[in-house]
Amino acid sequence: MDKEIILSAVQDACSVSTSLITCESCGRVHFNDEEPEKLEELTKKAQVKPDRYIDHGDVSIAWFTFNGKQVVVDCQCDKAAAIGKFLWQHRFFIRDVLVGVAEKNAEIARGDQKSMGKLQATPL
């Protein structure tokens, strides 16, 4: 699958955006001009270390959490693309796990009232 298609789908799935965030996959700091009190300092840092401080101008920064870490969608580390590719490659397994969990929860829900406490929010 094409990297741009994957990144576009990942970005569309993100329900959060921000104006200042660190990509915890690589340590890059992403910022835009919506943080005026921090903009001057961040712009200076970006001039000194342009590979570590990424100015997005007036564009909001899409991100998500994966495995407990913040991942910026269009970060140069390409972690978002790698995650999207992984999810796509394992989509049938992921589907089967989610269907299995839903079926088990449905079985429990159909059982007696004492079983209601056993419903699983996650398979782990």
PDB file of N, CA and C in Angstrom:
ATOM      1  N   MET A   1       0.847  -1.175   0.000  1.00  0.00           N
ATOM      2  CA  MET A   1       0.000   0.000   0.000  1.00  0.00           C
ATOM      3  C   MET A   1       0.893   1.239   0.000  1.00  0.00           C
ATOM      4  N   ASP A   2       0.487   2.246  -0.716  1.00  0.00           N
ATOM      5  CA  ASP A   2       1.228   3.495  -0.868  1.00  0.00           C
ATOM      6  C   ASP A   2       1.303   4.261   0.461  1.00  0.00           C
ATOM      7  N   LYS A   3       2.496   4.758   0.790  1.00  0.00           N
ATOM      8  CA  LYS A   3       2.730   5.467   2.052  1.00  0.00           C
ATOM      9  C   LYS A   3       1.796   6.672   2.203  1.00  0.00           C
ATOM     10  N   GLU A   4       1.570   7.417   1.142  1.00  0.00           N
ATOM     11  CA  GLU A   4       0.713   8.603   1.220  1.00  0.00           C
ATOM     12  C   GLU A   4      -0.737   8.232   1.542  1.00  0.00           C
ATOM     13  N   ILE A   5      -1.209   7.116   0.980  1.00  0.00           N
ATOM     14  CA  ILE A   5      -2.569   6.659   1.271  1.00  0.00           C
ATOM     15  C   ILE A   5      -2.678   6.275   2.739  1.00  0.00           C
ATOM     16  N   ILE A   6      -1.674   5.555   3.237  1.00  0.00           N
ATOM     17  CA  ILE A   6      -1.673   5.139   4.642  1.00  0.00           C
ATOM     18  C   ILE A   6      -1.659   6.363   5.552  1.00  0.00           C
ATOM     19  N   LEU A   7      -0.761   7.318   5.294  1.00  0.00           N
ATOM     20  CA  LEU A   7      -0.680   8.514   6.145  1.00  0.00           C
ATOM     21  C   LEU A   7      -1.967   9.322   6.100  1.00  0.00           C
ATOM     22  N   SER A   8      -2.574   9.404   4.940  1.00  0.00           N
ATOM     23  CA  SER A   8      -3.838  10.125   4.810  1.00  0.00           C
ATOM     24  C   SER A   8      -4.915   9.459   5.660  1.00  0.00           C
ATOM     25  N   ALA A   9      -4.986   8.143   5.616  1.00  0.00           N
ATOM     26  CA  ALA A   9      -5.970   7.410   6.415  1.00  0.00           C
ATOM     27  C   ALA A   9      -5.700   7.563   7.910  1.00  0.00           C
ATOM     28  N   VAL A  10      -4.423   7.510   8.308  1.00  0.00           N
ATOM     29  CA  VAL A  10      -4.062   7.687   9.716  1.00  0.00           C
ATOM     30  C   VAL A  10      -4.453   9.085  10.170  1.00  0.00           C
ATOM     31  N   GLN A  11      -4.157  10.091   9.348  1.00  0.00           N
ATOM     32  CA  GLN A  11      -4.492  11.466   9.717  1.00  0.00           C
ATOM     33  C   GLN A  11      -6.001  11.645   9.820  1.00  0.00           C
ATOM     34  N   ASP A  12      -6.754  11.054   8.901  1.00  0.00           N
ATOM     35  CA  ASP A  12      -8.208  11.144   8.956  1.00  0.00           C
ATOM     36  C   ASP A  12      -8.760  10.495  10.219  1.00  0.00           C
ATOM     37  N   ALA A  13      -8.092   9.445  10.698  1.00  0.00           N
ATOM     38  CA  ALA A  13      -8.543   8.731  11.894  1.00  0.00           C
ATOM     39  C   ALA A  13      -8.219   9.496  13.177  1.00  0.00           C
ATOM     40  N   CYS A  14      -7.266  10.420  13.113  1.00  0.00           N
ATOM     41  CA  CYS A  14      -6.876  11.186  14.303  1.00  0.00           C
ATOM     42  C   CYS A  14      -7.988  12.161  14.663  1.00  0.00           C
ATOM     43  N   SER A  15      -8.405  12.109  15.888  1.00  0.00           N
ATOM     44  CA  SER A  15      -9.443  13.027  16.339  1.00  0.00           C
ATOM     45  C   SER A  15      -8.849  14.147  17.181  1.00  0.00           C
ATOM     46  N   VAL A  16      -7.531  14.177  17.287  1.00  0.00           N
ATOM     47  CA  VAL A  16      -6.892  15.209  18.088  1.00  0.00           C
ATOM     48  C   VAL A  16      -5.822  15.923  17.278  1.00  0.00           C
ATOM     49  N   SER A  17      -5.715  17.203  17.543  1.00  0.00           N
ATOM     50  CA  SER A  17      -4.634  17.985  16.963  1.00  0.00           C
ATOM     51  C   SER A  17      -4.205  18.998  18.013  1.00  0.00           C
ATOM     52  N   THR A  18      -3.040  19.567  17.804  1.00  0.00           N
ATOM     53  CA  THR A  18      -2.506  20.466  18.811  1.00  0.00           C
ATOM     54  C   THR A  18      -1.616  21.507  18.144  1.00  0.00           C
ATOM     55  N   SER A  19      -1.072  22.394  18.938  1.00  0.00           N
ATOM     56  CA  SER A  19      -0.177  23.418  18.417  1.00  0.00           C
ATOM     57  C   SER A  19       1.261  23.228  18.898  1.00  0.00           C
ATOM     58  N   LEU A  20       1.466  22.329  19.853  1.00  0.00           N
ATOM     59  CA  LEU A  20       2.815  22.060  20.365  1.00  0.00           C
ATOM     60  C   LEU A  20       2.854  20.638  20.908  1.00  0.00           C
ATOM     61  N   ILE A  21       3.749  19.817  20.376  1.00  0.00           N
ATOM     62  CA  ILE A  21       3.831  18.433  20.819  1.00  0.00           C
ATOM     63  C   ILE A  21       5.194  17.845  20.475  1.00  0.00           C
ATOM     64  N   THR A  22       5.646  16.929  21.300  1.00  0.00           N
ATOM     65  CA  THR A  22       6.868  16.183  21.024  1.00  0.00           C
ATOM     66  C   THR A  22       6.484  14.811  20.505  1.00  0.00           C
ATOM     67  N   CYS A  23       7.058  14.427  19.362  1.00  0.00           N
ATOM     68  CA  CYS A  23       6.860  13.069  18.855  1.00  0.00           C
ATOM     69  C   CYS A  23       7.731  12.170  19.723  1.00  0.00           C
ATOM     70  N   GLU A  24       7.101  11.313  20.495  1.00  0.00           N
ATOM     71  CA  GLU A  24       7.842  10.474  21.432  1.00  0.00           C
ATOM     72  C   GLU A  24       8.525   9.293  20.749  1.00  0.00           C
ATOM     73  N   SER A  25       8.328   9.147  19.457  1.00  0.00           N
ATOM     74  CA  SER A  25       9.053   8.110  18.718  1.00  0.00           C
ATOM     75  C   SER A  25      10.471   8.551  18.395  1.00  0.00           C
ATOM     76  N   CYS A  26      10.666   9.872  18.245  1.00  0.00           N
ATOM     77  CA  CYS A  26      11.988  10.352  17.842  1.00  0.00           C
ATOM     78  C   CYS A  26      12.487  11.551  18.649  1.00  0.00           C
ATOM     79  N   GLY A  27      11.605  12.201  19.399  1.00  0.00           N
ATOM     80  CA  GLY A  27      12.007  13.351  20.209  1.00  0.00           C
ATOM     81  C   GLY A  27      11.890  14.698  19.506  1.00  0.00           C
ATOM     82  N   ARG A  28      11.433  14.729  18.260  1.00  0.00           N
ATOM     83  CA  ARG A  28      11.269  16.008  17.564  1.00  0.00           C
ATOM     84  C   ARG A  28      10.117  16.799  18.180  1.00  0.00           C
ATOM     85  N   VAL A  29      10.321  18.113  18.298  1.00  0.00           N
ATOM     86  CA  VAL A  29       9.307  19.011  18.827  1.00  0.00           C
ATOM     87  C   VAL A  29       8.620  19.683  17.646  1.00  0.00           C
ATOM     88  N   HIS A  30       7.311  19.518  17.573  1.00  0.00           N
ATOM     89  CA  HIS A  30       6.512  20.105  16.500  1.00  0.00           C
ATOM     90  C   HIS A  30       5.709  21.257  17.082  1.00  0.00           C
ATOM     91  N   PHE A  31       5.679  22.384  16.364  1.00  0.00           N
ATOM     92  CA  PHE A  31       4.936  23.547  16.852  1.00  0.00           C
ATOM     93  C   PHE A  31       4.360  24.322  15.683  1.00  0.00           C
ATOM     94  N   ASN A  32       3.354  25.148  15.996  1.00  0.00           N
ATOM     95  CA  ASN A  32       2.826  26.062  14.992  1.00  0.00           C
ATOM     96  C   ASN A  32       2.664  27.438  15.621  1.00  0.00           C
ATOM     97  N   ASP A  33       2.094  28.359  14.862  1.00  0.00           N
ATOM     98  CA  ASP A  33       2.040  29.742  15.345  1.00  0.00           C
ATOM     99  C   ASP A  33       0.854  30.028  16.267  1.00  0.00           C
ATOM    100  N   GLU A  34       0.174  28.987  16.741  1.00  0.00           N
ATOM    101  CA  GLU A  34      -0.922  29.175  17.687  1.00  0.00           C
ATOM    102  C   GLU A  34      -0.433  29.299  19.129  1.00  0.00           C
ATOM    103  N   GLU A  35       0.866  29.196  19.336  1.00  0.00           N
ATOM    104  CA  GLU A  35       1.458  29.348  20.669  1.00  0.00           C
ATOM    105  C   GLU A  35       2.322  30.613  20.676  1.00  0.00           C
ATOM    106  N   PRO A  36       1.708  31.809  20.601  1.00  0.00           N
ATOM    107  CA  PRO A  36       2.492  33.042  20.437  1.00  0.00           C
ATOM    108  C   PRO A  36       3.516  33.287  21.549  1.00  0.00           C
ATOM    109  N   GLU A  37       3.178  32.898  22.784  1.00  0.00           N
ATOM    110  CA  GLU A  37       4.115  33.142  23.889  1.00  0.00           C
ATOM    111  C   GLU A  37       5.344  32.249  23.810  1.00  0.00           C
ATOM    112  N   LYS A  38       5.259  31.134  23.075  1.00  0.00           N
ATOM    113  CA  LYS A  38       6.393  30.218  22.937  1.00  0.00           C
ATOM    114  C   LYS A  38       7.011  30.263  21.550  1.00  0.00           C
ATOM    115  N   LEU A  39       6.352  30.960  20.619  1.00  0.00           N
ATOM    116  CA  LEU A  39       6.756  30.935  19.219  1.00  0.00           C
ATOM    117  C   LEU A  39       8.172  31.468  18.994  1.00  0.00           C
ATOM    118  N   GLU A  40       8.522  32.571  19.616  1.00  0.00           N
ATOM    119  CA  GLU A  40       9.852  33.160  19.414  1.00  0.00           C
ATOM    120  C   GLU A  40      10.957  32.191  19.866  1.00  0.00           C
ATOM    121  N   GLU A  41      10.791  31.642  21.050  1.00  0.00           N
ATOM    122  CA  GLU A  41      11.785  30.695  21.581  1.00  0.00           C
ATOM    123  C   GLU A  41      11.896  29.452  20.688  1.00  0.00           C
ATOM    124  N   LEU A  42      10.761  28.903  20.279  1.00  0.00           N
ATOM    125  CA  LEU A  42      10.768  27.702  19.447  1.00  0.00           C
ATOM    126  C   LEU A  42      11.346  27.981  18.058  1.00  0.00           C
ATOM    127  N   THR A  43      11.059  29.147  17.514  1.00  0.00           N
ATOM    128  CA  THR A  43      11.599  29.520  16.208  1.00  0.00           C
ATOM    129  C   THR A  43      13.116  29.638  16.270  1.00  0.00           C
ATOM    130  N   LYS A  44      13.635  30.210  17.359  1.00  0.00           N
ATOM    131  CA  LYS A  44      15.089  30.294  17.539  1.00  0.00           C
ATOM    132  C   LYS A  44      15.706  28.903  17.624  1.00  0.00           C
ATOM    133  N   LYS A  45      15.063  28.021  18.373  1.00  0.00           N
ATOM    134  CA  LYS A  45      15.569  26.649  18.485  1.00  0.00           C
ATOM    135  C   LYS A  45      15.534  25.948  17.125  1.00  0.00           C
ATOM    136  N   ALA A  46      14.487  26.222  16.348  1.00  0.00           N
ATOM    137  CA  ALA A  46      14.364  25.605  15.022  1.00  0.00           C
ATOM    138  C   ALA A  46      15.456  26.099  14.082  1.00  0.00           C
ATOM    139  N   GLN A  47      15.908  27.333  14.269  1.00  0.00           N
ATOM    140  CA  GLN A  47      16.989  27.859  13.436  1.00  0.00           C
ATOM    141  C   GLN A  47      18.310  27.185  13.772  1.00  0.00           C
ATOM    142  N   VAL A  48      18.509  26.846  15.036  1.00  0.00           N
ATOM    143  CA  VAL A  48      19.734  26.191  15.475  1.00  0.00           C
ATOM    144  C   VAL A  48      19.699  24.688  15.181  1.00  0.00           C
ATOM    145  N   LYS A  49      18.555  24.070  15.436  1.00  0.00           N
ATOM    146  CA  LYS A  49      18.395  22.623  15.238  1.00  0.00           C
ATOM    147  C   LYS A  49      17.140  22.353  14.398  1.00  0.00           C
ATOM    148  N   PRO A  50      17.212  22.618  13.092  1.00  0.00           N
ATOM    149  CA  PRO A  50      16.020  22.460  12.249  1.00  0.00           C
ATOM    150  C   PRO A  50      15.529  21.014  12.128  1.00  0.00           C
ATOM    151  N   ASP A  51      16.383  20.060  12.437  1.00  0.00           N
ATOM    152  CA  ASP A  51      15.963  18.657  12.382  1.00  0.00           C
ATOM    153  C   ASP A  51      15.275  18.212  13.671  1.00  0.00           C
ATOM    154  N   ARG A  52      15.334  19.005  14.739  1.00  0.00           N
ATOM    155  CA  ARG A  52      14.727  18.648  16.029  1.00  0.00           C
ATOM    156  C   ARG A  52      13.488  19.494  16.359  1.00  0.00           C
ATOM    157  N   TYR A  53      13.395  20.687  15.808  1.00  0.00           N
ATOM    158  CA  TYR A  53      12.272  21.592  16.053  1.00  0.00           C
ATOM    159  C   TYR A  53      11.614  21.889  14.716  1.00  0.00           C
ATOM    160  N   ILE A  54      10.374  21.440  14.566  1.00  0.00           N
ATOM    161  CA  ILE A  54       9.686  21.492  13.287  1.00  0.00           C
ATOM    162  C   ILE A  54       8.549  22.516  13.351  1.00  0.00           C
ATOM    163  N   ASP A  55       8.673  23.567  12.550  1.00  0.00           N
ATOM    164  CA  ASP A  55       7.668  24.627  12.491  1.00  0.00           C
ATOM    165  C   ASP A  55       6.612  24.263  11.449  1.00  0.00           C
ATOM    166  N   HIS A  56       5.360  24.164  11.878  1.00  0.00           N
ATOM    167  CA  HIS A  56       4.260  23.820  10.979  1.00  0.00           C
ATOM    168  C   HIS A  56       3.505  25.056  10.503  1.00  0.00           C
ATOM    169  N   GLY A  57       4.036  26.245  10.801  1.00  0.00           N
ATOM    170  CA  GLY A  57       3.367  27.471  10.355  1.00  0.00           C
ATOM    171  C   GLY A  57       2.000  27.607  10.991  1.00  0.00           C
ATOM    172  N   ASP A  58       0.960  27.734  10.137  1.00  0.00           N
ATOM    173  CA  ASP A  58      -0.396  27.897  10.669  1.00  0.00           C
ATOM    174  C   ASP A  58      -1.218  26.609  10.567  1.00  0.00           C
ATOM    175  N   VAL A  59      -0.550  25.480  10.374  1.00  0.00           N
ATOM    176  CA  VAL A  59      -1.229  24.192  10.228  1.00  0.00           C
ATOM    177  C   VAL A  59      -1.286  23.476  11.581  1.00  0.00           C
ATOM    178  N   SER A  60      -2.456  22.971  11.921  1.00  0.00           N
ATOM    179  CA  SER A  60      -2.615  22.213  13.156  1.00  0.00           C
ATOM    180  C   SER A  60      -1.879  20.876  13.036  1.00  0.00           C
ATOM    181  N   ILE A  61      -1.386  20.367  14.149  1.00  0.00           N
ATOM    182  CA  ILE A  61      -0.534  19.170  14.158  1.00  0.00           C
ATOM    183  C   ILE A  61      -1.357  17.966  14.630  1.00  0.00           C
ATOM    184  N   ALA A  62      -1.558  17.016  13.719  1.00  0.00           N
ATOM    185  CA  ALA A  62      -2.324  15.808  14.051  1.00  0.00           C
ATOM    186  C   ALA A  62      -1.406  14.802  14.735  1.00  0.00           C
ATOM    187  N   TRP A  63      -1.945  14.125  15.745  1.00  0.00           N
ATOM    188  CA  TRP A  63      -1.164  13.131  16.474  1.00  0.00           C
ATOM    189  C   TRP A  63      -2.102  12.094  17.073  1.00  0.00           C
ATOM    190  N   PHE A  64      -1.518  10.988  17.520  1.00  0.00           N
ATOM    191  CA  PHE A  64      -2.265   9.937  18.193  1.00  0.00           C
ATOM    192  C   PHE A  64      -1.326   9.231  19.150  1.00  0.00           C
ATOM    193  N   THR A  65      -1.905   8.430  20.031  1.00  0.00           N
ATOM    194  CA  THR A  65      -1.112   7.644  20.967  1.00  0.00           C
ATOM    195  C   THR A  65      -1.098   6.206  20.486  1.00  0.00           C
ATOM    196  N   PHE A  66       0.092   5.625  20.428  1.00  0.00           N
ATOM    197  CA  PHE A  66       0.231   4.223  20.045  1.00  0.00           C
ATOM    198  C   PHE A  66       1.232   3.584  20.982  1.00  0.00           C
ATOM    199  N   ASN A  67       0.820   2.509  21.617  1.00  0.00           N
ATOM    200  CA  ASN A  67       1.670   1.804  22.566  1.00  0.00           C
ATOM    201  C   ASN A  67       2.197   2.747  23.657  1.00  0.00           C
ATOM    202  N   GLY A  68       1.334   3.665  24.080  1.00  0.00           N
ATOM    203  CA  GLY A  68       1.671   4.567  25.160  1.00  0.00           C
ATOM    204  C   GLY A  68       2.534   5.761  24.783  1.00  0.00           C
ATOM    205  N   LYS A  69       2.796   5.968  23.483  1.00  0.00           N
ATOM    206  CA  LYS A  69       3.636   7.086  23.059  1.00  0.00           C
ATOM    207  C   LYS A  69       2.888   7.987  22.091  1.00  0.00           C
ATOM    208  N   GLN A  70       3.143   9.298  22.205  1.00  0.00           N
ATOM    209  CA  GLN A  70       2.590  10.263  21.266  1.00  0.00           C
ATOM    210  C   GLN A  70       3.323  10.131  19.933  1.00  0.00           C
ATOM    211  N   VAL A  71       2.561  10.029  18.850  1.00  0.00           N
ATOM    212  CA  VAL A  71       3.140   9.933  17.511  1.00  0.00           C
ATOM    213  C   VAL A  71       2.552  11.062  16.673  1.00  0.00           C
ATOM    214  N   VAL A  72       3.413  11.897  16.101  1.00  0.00           N
ATOM    215  CA  VAL A  72       2.965  12.975  15.223  1.00  0.00           C
ATOM    216  C   VAL A  72       2.819  12.403  13.816  1.00  0.00           C
ATOM    217  N   VAL A  73       1.660  12.643  13.201  1.00  0.00           N
ATOM    218  CA  VAL A  73       1.325  11.997  11.934  1.00  0.00           C
ATOM    219  C   VAL A  73       2.348  12.276  10.840  1.00  0.00           C
ATOM    220  N   ASP A  74       2.708  13.519  10.637  1.00  0.00           N
ATOM    221  CA  ASP A  74       3.622  13.812   9.523  1.00  0.00           C
ATOM    222  C   ASP A  74       5.068  14.073   9.971  1.00  0.00           C
ATOM    223  N   CYS A  75       5.470  13.433  11.066  1.00  0.00           N
ATOM    224  CA  CYS A  75       6.847  13.575  11.543  1.00  0.00           C
ATOM    225  C   CYS A  75       7.817  12.886  10.580  1.00  0.00           C
ATOM    226  N   GLN A  76       9.010  13.435  10.501  1.00  0.00           N
ATOM    227  CA  GLN A  76      10.038  12.895   9.613  1.00  0.00           C
ATOM    228  C   GLN A  76      10.492  11.492   9.995  1.00  0.00           C
ATOM    229  N   CYS A  77      10.209  11.065  11.221  1.00  0.00           N
ATOM    230  CA  CYS A  77      10.627   9.725  11.638  1.00  0.00           C
ATOM    231  C   CYS A  77       9.793   8.636  10.968  1.00  0.00           C
ATOM    232  N   ASP A  78       8.661   9.010  10.395  1.00  0.00           N
ATOM    233  CA  ASP A  78       7.779   8.083   9.667  1.00  0.00           C
ATOM    234  C   ASP A  78       7.163   6.997  10.539  1.00  0.00           C
ATOM    235  N   LYS A  79       7.118   7.201  11.841  1.00  0.00           N
ATOM    236  CA  LYS A  79       6.520   6.196  12.723  1.00  0.00           C
ATOM    237  C   LYS A  79       5.035   6.008  12.422  1.00  0.00           C
ATOM    238  N   ALA A  80       4.321   7.092  12.119  1.00  0.00           N
ATOM    239  CA  ALA A  80       2.892   6.980  11.817  1.00  0.00           C
ATOM    240  C   ALA A  80       2.672   6.114  10.585  1.00  0.00           C
ATOM    241  N   ALA A  81       3.501   6.284   9.573  1.00  0.00           N
ATOM    242  CA  ALA A  81       3.382   5.471   8.357  1.00  0.00           C
ATOM    243  C   ALA A  81       3.683   4.002   8.669  1.00  0.00           C
ATOM    244  N   ALA A  82       4.685   3.758   9.494  1.00  0.00           N
ATOM    245  CA  ALA A  82       5.033   2.380   9.860  1.00  0.00           C
ATOM    246  C   ALA A  82       3.891   1.724  10.626  1.00  0.00           C
ATOM    247  N   ILE A  83       3.258   2.467  11.531  1.00  0.00           N
ATOM    248  CA  ILE A  83       2.128   1.930  12.287  1.00  0.00           C
ATOM    249  C   ILE A  83       0.956   1.655  11.350  1.00  0.00           C
ATOM    250  N   GLY A  84       0.683   2.596  10.465  1.00  0.00           N
ATOM    251  CA  GLY A  84      -0.397   2.402   9.498  1.00  0.00           C
ATOM    252  C   GLY A  84      -0.159   1.185   8.622  1.00  0.00           C
ATOM    253  N   LYS A  85       1.078   1.008   8.186  1.00  0.00           N
ATOM    254  CA  LYS A  85       1.422  -0.157   7.360  1.00  0.00           C
ATOM    255  C   LYS A  85       1.238  -1.448   8.153  1.00  0.00           C
ATOM    256  N   PHE A  86       1.680  -1.456   9.397  1.00  0.00           N
ATOM    257  CA  PHE A  86       1.519  -2.625  10.270  1.00  0.00           C
ATOM    258  C   PHE A  86       0.041  -2.975  10.431  1.00  0.00           C
ATOM    259  N   LEU A  87      -0.778  -1.956  10.723  1.00  0.00           N
ATOM    260  CA  LEU A  87      -2.209  -2.197  10.908  1.00  0.00           C
ATOM    261  C   LEU A  87      -2.835  -2.768   9.638  1.00  0.00           C
ATOM    262  N   TRP A  88      -2.452  -2.224   8.497  1.00  0.00           N
ATOM    263  CA  TRP A  88      -2.994  -2.709   7.231  1.00  0.00           C
ATOM    264  C   TRP A  88      -2.560  -4.155   6.973  1.00  0.00           C
ATOM    265  N   GLN A  89      -1.312  -4.443   7.212  1.00  0.00           N
ATOM    266  CA  GLN A  89      -0.806  -5.790   6.954  1.00  0.00           C
ATOM    267  C   GLN A  89      -1.448  -6.834   7.865  1.00  0.00           C
ATOM    268  N   HIS A  90      -1.871  -6.422   9.061  1.00  0.00           N
ATOM    269  CA  HIS A  90      -2.442  -7.359  10.028  1.00  0.00           C
ATOM    270  C   HIS A  90      -3.941  -7.141  10.228  1.00  0.00           C
ATOM    271  N   ARG A  91      -4.598  -6.492   9.282  1.00  0.00           N
ATOM    272  CA  ARG A  91      -6.004  -6.115   9.432  1.00  0.00           C
ATOM    273  C   ARG A  91      -6.932  -7.306   9.656  1.00  0.00           C
ATOM    274  N   PHE A  92      -6.648  -8.432   9.023  1.00  0.00           N
ATOM    275  CA  PHE A  92      -7.535  -9.584   9.178  1.00  0.00           C
ATOM    276  C   PHE A  92      -7.393 -10.199  10.565  1.00  0.00           C
ATOM    277  N   PHE A  93      -6.176 -10.269  11.069  1.00  0.00           N
ATOM    278  CA  PHE A  93      -5.956 -10.762  12.431  1.00  0.00           C
ATOM    279  C   PHE A  93      -6.618  -9.828  13.443  1.00  0.00           C
ATOM    280  N   ILE A  94      -6.411  -8.534  13.259  1.00  0.00           N
ATOM    281  CA  ILE A  94      -7.002  -7.541  14.165  1.00  0.00           C
ATOM    282  C   ILE A  94      -8.528  -7.662  14.132  1.00  0.00           C
ATOM    283  N   ARG A  95      -9.093  -7.788  12.933  1.00  0.00           N
ATOM    284  CA  ARG A  95     -10.543  -7.963  12.806  1.00  0.00           C
ATOM    285  C   ARG A  95     -11.006  -9.195  13.576  1.00  0.00           C
ATOM    286  N   ASP A  96     -10.299 -10.312  13.395  1.00  0.00           N
ATOM    287  CA  ASP A  96     -10.694 -11.555  14.054  1.00  0.00           C
ATOM    288  C   ASP A  96     -10.643 -11.438  15.571  1.00  0.00           C
ATOM    289  N   VAL A  97      -9.635 -10.747  16.091  1.00  0.00           N
ATOM    290  CA  VAL A  97      -9.540 -10.543  17.540  1.00  0.00           C
ATOM    291  C   VAL A  97     -10.715  -9.698  18.025  1.00  0.00           C
ATOM    292  N   LEU A  98     -11.008  -8.598  17.333  1.00  0.00           N
ATOM    293  CA  LEU A  98     -12.105  -7.721  17.748  1.00  0.00           C
ATOM    294  C   LEU A  98     -13.455  -8.426  17.659  1.00  0.00           C
ATOM    295  N   VAL A  99     -13.663  -9.199  16.611  1.00  0.00           N
ATOM    296  CA  VAL A  99     -14.904  -9.966  16.479  1.00  0.00           C
ATOM    297  C   VAL A  99     -14.997 -10.986  17.612  1.00  0.00           C
ATOM    298  N   GLY A 100     -13.894 -11.662  17.918  1.00  0.00           N
ATOM    299  CA  GLY A 100     -13.884 -12.640  19.004  1.00  0.00           C
ATOM    300  C   GLY A 100     -14.235 -12.023  20.336  1.00  0.00           C
ATOM    301  N   VAL A 101     -13.672 -10.862  20.633  1.00  0.00           N
ATOM    302  CA  VAL A 101     -13.973 -10.168  21.888  1.00  0.00           C
ATOM    303  C   VAL A 101     -15.451  -9.778  21.920  1.00  0.00           C
ATOM    304  N   ALA A 102     -15.968  -9.250  20.805  1.00  0.00           N
ATOM    305  CA  ALA A 102     -17.379  -8.852  20.751  1.00  0.00           C
ATOM    306  C   ALA A 102     -18.288 -10.060  20.955  1.00  0.00           C
ATOM    307  N   GLU A 103     -17.941 -11.184  20.346  1.00  0.00           N
ATOM    308  CA  GLU A 103     -18.750 -12.388  20.502  1.00  0.00           C
ATOM    309  C   GLU A 103     -18.732 -12.897  21.942  1.00  0.00           C
ATOM    310  N   LYS A 104     -17.574 -12.878  22.573  1.00  0.00           N
ATOM    311  CA  LYS A 104     -17.475 -13.320  23.976  1.00  0.00           C
ATOM    312  C   LYS A 104     -18.297 -12.400  24.877  1.00  0.00           C
ATOM    313  N   ASN A 105     -18.206 -11.091  24.632  1.00  0.00           N
ATOM    314  CA  ASN A 105     -18.990 -10.148  25.431  1.00  0.00           C
ATOM    315  C   ASN A 105     -20.482 -10.366  25.222  1.00  0.00           C
ATOM    316  N   ALA A 106     -20.885 -10.661  23.994  1.00  0.00           N
ATOM    317  CA  ALA A 106     -22.303 -10.925  23.710  1.00  0.00           C
ATOM    318  C   ALA A 106     -22.770 -12.172  24.445  1.00  0.00           C
ATOM    319  N   GLU A 107     -21.929 -13.221  24.493  1.00  0.00           N
ATOM    320  CA  GLU A 107     -22.271 -14.443  25.224  1.00  0.00           C
ATOM    321  C   GLU A 107     -22.472 -14.141  26.699  1.00  0.00           C
ATOM    322  N   ILE A 108     -21.567 -13.376  27.250  1.00  0.00           N
ATOM    323  CA  ILE A 108     -21.657 -13.027  28.675  1.00  0.00           C
ATOM    324  C   ILE A 108     -22.906 -12.194  28.924  1.00  0.00           C
ATOM    325  N   ALA A 109     -23.178 -11.231  28.036  1.00  0.00           N
ATOM    326  CA  ALA A 109     -24.343 -10.363  28.208  1.00  0.00           C
ATOM    327  C   ALA A 109     -25.644 -11.147  28.142  1.00  0.00           C
ATOM    328  N   ARG A 110     -25.667 -12.216  27.353  1.00  0.00           N
ATOM    329  CA  ARG A 110     -26.868 -13.045  27.256  1.00  0.00           C
ATOM    330  C   ARG A 110     -27.035 -13.940  28.488  1.00  0.00           C
ATOM    331  N   GLY A 111     -25.965 -14.095  29.245  1.00  0.00           N
ATOM    332  CA  GLY A 111     -26.016 -14.942  30.447  1.00  0.00           C
ATOM    333  C   GLY A 111     -26.770 -14.261  31.564  1.00  0.00           C
ATOM    334  N   ASP A 112     -26.698 -14.843  32.734  1.00  0.00           N
ATOM    335  CA  ASP A 112     -27.434 -14.288  33.868  1.00  0.00           C
ATOM    336  C   ASP A 112     -26.793 -12.996  34.373  1.00  0.00           C
ATOM    337  N   GLN A 113     -27.481 -12.301  35.242  1.00  0.00           N
ATOM    338  CA  GLN A 113     -27.039 -11.001  35.739  1.00  0.00           C
ATOM    339  C   GLN A 113     -25.701 -11.086  36.463  1.00  0.00           C
ATOM    340  N   LYS A 114     -25.386 -12.197  37.083  1.00  0.00           N
ATOM    341  CA  LYS A 114     -24.111 -12.346  37.788  1.00  0.00           C
ATOM    342  C   LYS A 114     -22.935 -12.276  36.822  1.00  0.00           C
ATOM    343  N   SER A 115     -23.151 -12.607  35.568  1.00  0.00           N
ATOM    344  CA  SER A 115     -22.077 -12.632  34.584  1.00  0.00           C
ATOM    345  C   SER A 115     -21.752 -11.239  34.054  1.00  0.00           C
ATOM    346  N   MET A 116     -22.595 -10.284  34.281  1.00  0.00           N
ATOM    347  CA  MET A 116     -22.400  -8.945  33.699  1.00  0.00           C
ATOM    348  C   MET A 116     -21.051  -8.326  34.101  1.00  0.00           C
ATOM    349  N   GLY A 117     -20.552  -8.629  35.263  1.00  0.00           N
ATOM    350  CA  GLY A 117     -19.277  -8.076  35.710  1.00  0.00           C
ATOM    351  C   GLY A 117     -18.080  -8.621  34.944  1.00  0.00           C
ATOM    352  N   LYS A 118     -18.278  -9.651  34.143  1.00  0.00           N
ATOM    353  CA  LYS A 118     -17.183 -10.267  33.412  1.00  0.00           C
ATOM    354  C   LYS A 118     -16.949  -9.660  32.038  1.00  0.00           C
ATOM    355  N   LEU A 119     -17.761  -8.694  31.619  1.00  0.00           N
ATOM    356  CA  LEU A 119     -17.592  -8.091  30.295  1.00  0.00           C
ATOM    357  C   LEU A 119     -16.193  -7.525  30.136  1.00  0.00           C
ATOM    358  N   GLN A 120     -15.604  -7.756  28.994  1.00  0.00           N
ATOM    359  CA  GLN A 120     -14.242  -7.326  28.721  1.00  0.00           C
ATOM    360  C   GLN A 120     -14.236  -6.047  27.886  1.00  0.00           C
ATOM    361  N   ALA A 121     -13.513  -5.042  28.329  1.00  0.00           N
ATOM    362  CA  ALA A 121     -13.340  -3.837  27.529  1.00  0.00           C
ATOM    363  C   ALA A 121     -12.253  -4.064  26.498  1.00  0.00           C
ATOM    364  N   THR A 122     -11.244  -4.845  26.869  1.00  0.00           N
ATOM    365  CA  THR A 122     -10.146  -5.173  25.958  1.00  0.00           C
ATOM    366  C   THR A 122      -9.839  -6.652  26.088  1.00  0.00           C
ATOM    367  N   PRO A 123      -9.206  -7.226  25.061  1.00  0.00           N
ATOM    368  CA  PRO A 123      -8.917  -8.655  25.136  1.00  0.00           C
ATOM    369  C   PRO A 123      -7.759  -8.994  26.055  1.00  0.00           C
ATOM    370  N   LEU A 124      -7.036  -8.007  26.547  1.00  0.00           N
ATOM    371  CA  LEU A 124      -5.854  -8.276  27.373  1.00  0.00           C
ATOM    372  C   LEU A 124      -6.141  -8.146  28.843  1.00  0.00           C
TER     373      LEU A 124
END
